Protein backbone atom coordinates (compact mmCIF):
# COMPACT_ATOMS: atom_id res chain seq x y z
CA MET A 1 28.29 53.48 28.91
CA ILE A 2 26.55 56.74 29.86
CA LYS A 3 28.44 59.59 28.24
CA ARG A 4 29.07 62.75 30.23
CA THR A 5 28.07 66.29 29.37
CA VAL A 6 30.68 68.87 30.41
CA GLU A 7 30.04 72.61 30.35
CA ILE A 8 32.98 75.03 30.53
CA SER A 9 31.85 78.38 31.92
CA GLY A 10 33.27 81.05 34.19
CA GLN A 11 36.57 82.79 33.54
CA HIS A 12 40.23 81.94 33.02
CA ASN A 13 39.78 78.36 31.83
CA ARG A 14 42.39 76.38 29.92
CA LEU A 15 41.73 73.00 28.32
CA SER A 16 44.35 70.43 27.40
CA VAL A 17 44.61 66.69 26.75
CA SER A 18 46.85 64.43 28.82
CA LEU A 19 46.95 60.63 29.08
CA GLY A 20 43.63 60.23 27.32
CA SER A 21 41.78 62.75 29.48
CA LEU A 22 40.45 66.26 29.03
CA VAL A 23 42.21 68.40 31.64
CA ILE A 24 40.42 71.52 32.87
CA GLU A 25 42.47 74.27 34.51
CA ARG A 26 41.26 77.48 36.08
CA ASP A 27 43.65 80.22 37.14
CA GLY A 28 46.52 77.80 36.69
CA GLU A 29 45.09 75.03 38.88
CA VAL A 30 43.65 71.73 37.65
CA VAL A 31 39.95 71.64 38.62
CA GLY A 32 38.87 68.57 36.68
CA ARG A 33 39.81 65.62 34.49
CA VAL A 34 37.40 63.75 32.23
CA PRO A 35 38.43 60.62 30.32
CA LEU A 36 37.84 61.36 26.64
CA GLU A 37 36.10 58.00 26.21
CA ASP A 38 33.48 59.17 28.75
CA LEU A 39 32.87 62.52 27.06
CA GLY A 40 29.60 62.83 25.15
CA VAL A 41 28.98 66.59 24.85
CA LEU A 42 31.45 69.42 25.52
CA ILE A 43 29.79 72.84 25.84
CA LEU A 44 32.17 75.79 25.63
CA ASP A 45 30.52 78.84 27.21
CA ALA A 46 33.35 81.10 28.32
CA ALA A 47 34.78 83.74 26.02
CA ASP A 48 38.33 83.62 27.40
CA THR A 49 38.69 79.81 27.48
CA VAL A 50 41.99 78.73 25.90
CA TYR A 51 42.29 75.44 24.02
CA THR A 52 44.23 74.11 21.07
CA HIS A 53 43.29 72.38 17.87
CA TRP A 54 44.57 69.17 19.48
CA VAL A 55 41.90 69.35 22.20
CA LEU A 56 39.12 69.60 19.60
CA ALA A 57 40.59 66.85 17.41
CA GLU A 58 41.06 64.42 20.29
CA ALA A 59 37.55 65.03 21.68
CA LEU A 60 36.01 64.50 18.25
CA ALA A 61 38.09 61.38 17.66
CA ALA A 62 36.69 59.99 20.93
CA GLY A 63 33.15 60.54 19.62
CA ALA A 64 32.21 63.71 21.49
CA VAL A 65 30.22 66.57 20.03
CA ILE A 66 31.51 70.09 20.77
CA VAL A 67 29.12 73.00 21.23
CA PRO A 68 30.62 76.53 21.27
CA CYS A 69 28.32 79.22 22.69
CA GLY A 70 28.04 82.86 21.67
CA ARG A 71 27.77 86.12 23.59
CA ASP A 72 24.18 85.29 24.52
CA HIS A 73 25.33 82.00 26.08
CA LEU A 74 23.28 80.07 23.53
CA PRO A 75 24.91 77.41 21.31
CA ALA A 76 26.32 79.02 18.17
CA GLY A 77 27.24 75.85 16.27
CA LEU A 78 28.29 72.21 16.45
CA PHE A 79 31.43 70.18 15.79
CA LEU A 80 30.52 66.56 15.03
CA PRO A 81 32.64 63.39 14.95
CA GLN A 82 32.92 61.41 11.71
CA ASN A 83 34.35 58.03 12.61
CA ASN A 84 31.77 55.37 11.73
CA SER A 85 33.14 52.54 9.59
CA LEU A 86 29.72 51.94 7.99
CA GLN A 87 29.20 55.57 7.04
CA THR A 88 29.37 55.12 3.25
CA GLN A 89 26.83 52.31 3.25
CA ARG A 90 24.45 54.11 5.57
CA LEU A 91 24.76 57.43 3.80
CA ALA A 92 23.84 55.70 0.54
CA ALA A 93 20.69 54.24 2.14
CA GLN A 94 19.85 57.61 3.68
CA VAL A 95 20.17 59.54 0.43
CA ALA A 96 18.24 56.89 -1.51
CA ALA A 97 15.30 56.86 0.92
CA PRO A 98 12.10 57.35 -1.14
CA LEU A 99 9.69 60.17 -0.38
CA PRO A 100 6.83 57.85 0.76
CA LEU A 101 9.11 56.35 3.39
CA LYS A 102 10.17 59.75 4.66
CA LYS A 103 6.55 60.88 4.83
CA ARG A 104 5.56 57.82 6.86
CA LEU A 105 8.41 58.40 9.29
CA TRP A 106 7.49 62.08 9.59
CA LYS A 107 3.93 61.05 10.47
CA GLN A 108 5.27 58.97 13.35
CA ILE A 109 7.41 61.87 14.56
CA VAL A 110 4.52 64.35 14.51
CA GLN A 111 2.22 61.90 16.29
CA ALA A 112 4.80 61.41 19.03
CA LYS A 113 5.37 65.15 19.39
CA VAL A 114 1.67 65.95 19.67
CA ARG A 115 1.12 63.11 22.12
CA HIS A 116 4.01 64.33 24.28
CA GLN A 117 2.72 67.91 24.16
CA ALA A 118 -0.64 66.76 25.49
CA ALA A 119 1.11 64.90 28.32
CA VAL A 120 2.94 68.07 29.41
CA LEU A 121 -0.33 69.87 30.19
CA PRO A 122 -2.20 69.32 33.47
CA HIS A 123 -4.78 66.53 33.53
CA ASP A 124 -7.58 69.03 34.16
CA SER A 125 -6.60 71.27 31.24
CA PRO A 126 -9.23 71.24 28.45
CA ALA A 127 -6.38 71.79 25.98
CA ARG A 128 -4.86 68.45 26.94
CA GLY A 129 -7.78 66.49 25.51
CA ARG A 130 -8.04 68.70 22.43
CA ILE A 131 -4.39 68.12 21.58
CA ALA A 132 -4.52 64.40 22.33
CA ASN A 133 -7.48 64.03 19.95
CA LEU A 134 -5.36 65.48 17.13
CA VAL A 135 -2.93 62.55 17.19
CA THR A 136 -5.21 60.33 15.08
CA SER A 137 -5.65 63.14 12.52
CA VAL A 138 -1.99 63.03 11.44
CA ARG A 139 -1.61 61.55 7.96
CA SER A 140 1.48 60.51 6.04
CA GLY A 141 3.64 63.62 5.63
CA ASP A 142 1.21 65.62 7.80
CA PRO A 143 -0.31 67.45 4.79
CA THR A 144 -2.92 69.25 6.94
CA ASN A 145 -0.19 70.48 9.33
CA VAL A 146 -1.62 68.98 12.49
CA GLU A 147 1.70 69.87 14.09
CA ALA A 148 0.91 73.59 13.75
CA GLN A 149 -2.71 73.10 14.85
CA ALA A 150 -1.54 71.45 18.06
CA ALA A 151 1.10 74.15 18.63
CA ARG A 152 -1.47 76.96 18.53
CA ILE A 153 -3.41 75.32 21.35
CA TYR A 154 -0.38 74.08 23.25
CA TRP A 155 1.70 77.23 23.74
CA GLN A 156 -1.16 79.33 25.07
CA ALA A 157 -2.26 76.53 27.39
CA LEU A 158 1.29 76.07 28.70
CA PHE A 159 2.58 79.62 29.09
CA GLY A 160 -0.54 81.80 28.81
CA GLU A 161 -2.45 83.54 26.07
CA GLU A 162 0.15 86.28 25.68
CA PHE A 163 3.02 83.91 24.97
CA ARG A 164 4.32 83.47 21.43
CA ARG A 165 6.94 80.89 20.61
CA ASN A 166 9.58 82.81 18.67
CA PRO A 167 13.25 81.71 18.62
CA ASP A 168 14.29 85.29 17.87
CA ALA A 169 12.21 86.91 20.62
CA ASP A 170 14.06 88.75 23.35
CA ASP A 171 12.26 87.26 26.34
CA SER A 172 13.46 84.89 29.02
CA THR A 173 11.03 82.02 28.37
CA ASN A 174 12.01 81.79 24.72
CA ALA A 175 15.67 81.97 25.73
CA LEU A 176 15.23 79.01 28.09
CA LEU A 177 13.52 77.04 25.33
CA ASN A 178 16.24 77.97 22.83
CA TYR A 179 19.00 76.76 25.15
CA GLY A 180 17.25 73.51 25.98
CA TYR A 181 16.43 72.74 22.36
CA ALA A 182 20.00 73.49 21.29
CA VAL A 183 21.43 71.09 23.89
CA LEU A 184 19.13 68.26 22.78
CA ARG A 185 19.78 69.09 19.12
CA ALA A 186 23.50 68.63 19.75
CA ALA A 187 22.85 65.27 21.41
CA VAL A 188 20.69 64.13 18.47
CA ALA A 189 23.31 65.27 15.97
CA ARG A 190 25.98 63.35 17.89
CA ALA A 191 23.90 60.17 17.78
CA LEU A 192 23.35 60.59 14.03
CA ALA A 193 27.05 61.10 13.34
CA GLY A 194 27.93 58.14 15.53
CA ALA A 195 25.60 55.95 13.49
CA GLY A 196 27.14 57.02 10.19
CA LEU A 197 24.20 59.19 9.08
CA HIS A 198 24.44 62.77 7.85
CA PRO A 199 22.41 65.35 9.80
CA SER A 200 21.86 67.52 6.69
CA PHE A 201 19.55 65.09 4.82
CA GLY A 202 16.23 65.42 6.60
CA LEU A 203 12.96 63.56 6.49
CA HIS A 204 10.83 66.71 6.56
CA HIS A 205 12.94 69.72 7.45
CA HIS A 206 14.72 71.10 4.41
CA ASN A 207 16.45 74.40 4.08
CA ARG A 208 19.61 75.08 2.13
CA SER A 209 21.04 76.93 5.15
CA ASN A 210 20.19 74.18 7.67
CA ALA A 211 23.04 71.71 8.06
CA PHE A 212 21.12 69.77 10.74
CA ALA A 213 17.77 69.07 9.12
CA LEU A 214 17.64 65.43 10.19
CA ALA A 215 18.64 66.34 13.73
CA ASP A 216 15.77 68.82 13.77
CA ASP A 217 13.38 66.10 12.58
CA LEU A 218 14.29 63.76 15.42
CA LEU A 219 14.35 66.64 17.89
CA GLU A 220 10.61 67.33 17.47
CA PRO A 221 9.28 64.62 19.85
CA LEU A 222 11.88 65.69 22.42
CA ARG A 223 10.90 69.35 22.54
CA PRO A 224 8.14 68.76 25.12
CA LEU A 225 10.82 67.52 27.55
CA VAL A 226 12.39 70.98 27.34
CA ASP A 227 8.98 72.68 27.53
CA ARG A 228 8.12 70.86 30.75
CA LYS A 229 11.45 71.80 32.33
CA ALA A 230 11.19 75.44 31.19
CA LYS A 231 7.67 75.65 32.62
CA ALA A 232 8.84 74.26 35.95
CA LEU A 233 11.69 76.77 36.06
CA ALA A 234 9.36 79.64 35.16
CA ASP A 235 6.89 78.61 37.86
CA PHE A 236 9.72 79.00 40.40
CA GLY A 237 10.71 82.39 39.00
CA GLN A 238 13.88 81.07 37.35
CA THR A 239 13.50 82.48 33.88
CA ASP A 240 16.98 83.82 33.10
CA ILE A 241 19.83 81.90 31.49
CA THR A 242 22.04 81.31 34.54
CA PRO A 243 24.40 78.51 35.57
CA ALA A 244 21.56 77.07 37.67
CA THR A 245 18.97 77.05 34.88
CA LYS A 246 21.51 75.69 32.41
CA ARG A 247 22.29 72.84 34.79
CA GLU A 248 18.59 72.03 34.99
CA LEU A 249 18.25 71.98 31.20
CA LEU A 250 21.43 69.96 30.77
CA SER A 251 20.05 67.39 33.21
CA LEU A 252 17.55 66.42 30.48
CA LEU A 253 20.36 64.46 28.81
CA THR A 254 20.42 62.04 31.72
CA GLN A 255 16.66 61.97 32.26
CA GLU A 256 15.25 58.46 32.09
CA VAL A 257 13.08 57.72 29.07
CA GLU A 258 11.76 54.57 27.45
CA VAL A 259 12.57 53.32 23.95
CA ALA A 260 11.21 50.04 22.63
CA GLU A 261 10.35 48.93 26.18
CA LEU A 262 13.89 49.66 27.40
CA LYS A 263 14.46 52.39 29.98
CA GLY A 264 17.59 54.47 30.23
CA PRO A 265 19.12 57.97 30.04
CA LEU A 266 18.12 60.10 27.07
CA LEU A 267 21.66 60.08 25.64
CA VAL A 268 21.55 56.28 25.44
CA ALA A 269 17.97 56.28 24.17
CA LEU A 270 18.93 58.52 21.26
CA GLU A 271 21.40 55.91 20.05
CA ARG A 272 18.58 53.37 19.98
CA THR A 273 16.33 55.79 18.13
CA VAL A 274 18.96 56.50 15.51
CA ALA A 275 19.70 52.77 15.14
CA SER A 276 16.01 52.23 14.39
CA LEU A 277 16.16 55.00 11.78
CA VAL A 278 19.06 53.19 10.10
CA ARG A 279 16.96 50.01 9.97
CA CYS A 280 14.07 52.00 8.49
CA TYR A 281 16.35 53.38 5.76
CA GLU A 282 17.59 49.85 5.03
CA ARG A 283 13.97 48.52 4.92
CA GLU A 284 14.51 46.25 7.91
CA GLN A 285 12.00 48.07 10.11
CA ALA A 286 8.88 50.15 9.44
CA LYS A 287 8.50 52.03 12.71
CA LEU A 288 10.85 54.38 14.49
CA ASP A 289 11.71 53.65 18.10
CA LEU A 290 11.14 57.10 19.59
CA PRO A 291 11.82 58.08 23.21
CA GLU A 292 8.80 58.12 25.50
CA PRO A 293 8.98 60.09 28.78
CA CYS A 294 8.84 58.06 31.97
CA ASN A 295 6.17 59.86 34.03
């Protein structure tokens, strides 16, 4: 089943749960109902939205991830479900994963990210070939930081020599990227929680203040999907965070990708990717099944 992404924005919203559905009211009138079993991601981006603890608990129990946004309309955090019956077993395998295994998996992730970055650039761009040639230079654990080498070429080729990728920068292009990455990060975290893995124990990312290190690891090959969409929006002069640009970025969750020769929406593909990670942790598989864009 393809899970739905629901964004609550605008003013005077009230959320409740009735007969197994999320009920959305605006100015006292019901404007929508979503069966909880269909809900994949719930984005709350309206300061005066009213909802109870019961709404959050029921949505989480149904397997949804909840993303509250801040004043800047960017995701401020995540609420994740914890309802996988195999969680203890899979957490044990995750925590016990040896460093060589994690380094090999990180190599695969970096190779996929660099390959996807090259594919975002125009065919006649000299940078495309330069980045593509770096894929074979990635070694286990990426000790020479090919990821950063590719990024230096990539960002200037994509957005111009003056552009600097900085999550804290106060410019519209970085804001678009931040929003898109945060949406996909939430979807990755949901898939991890649904598989009984913990998003804090990463393969490469590690920071005592980062509760989603593993989600950030698996997000890396997906970032170019956001980059391509942000570039397309910028080319049409749509650089601000608006309902229209958010809809475009949210549409990435239903974009068709390919995983292990199977095509489907990104939300479904992420479940396959995470399932392959579980098999890697349990030594049943050596290679991650990572999403590949369908061009």
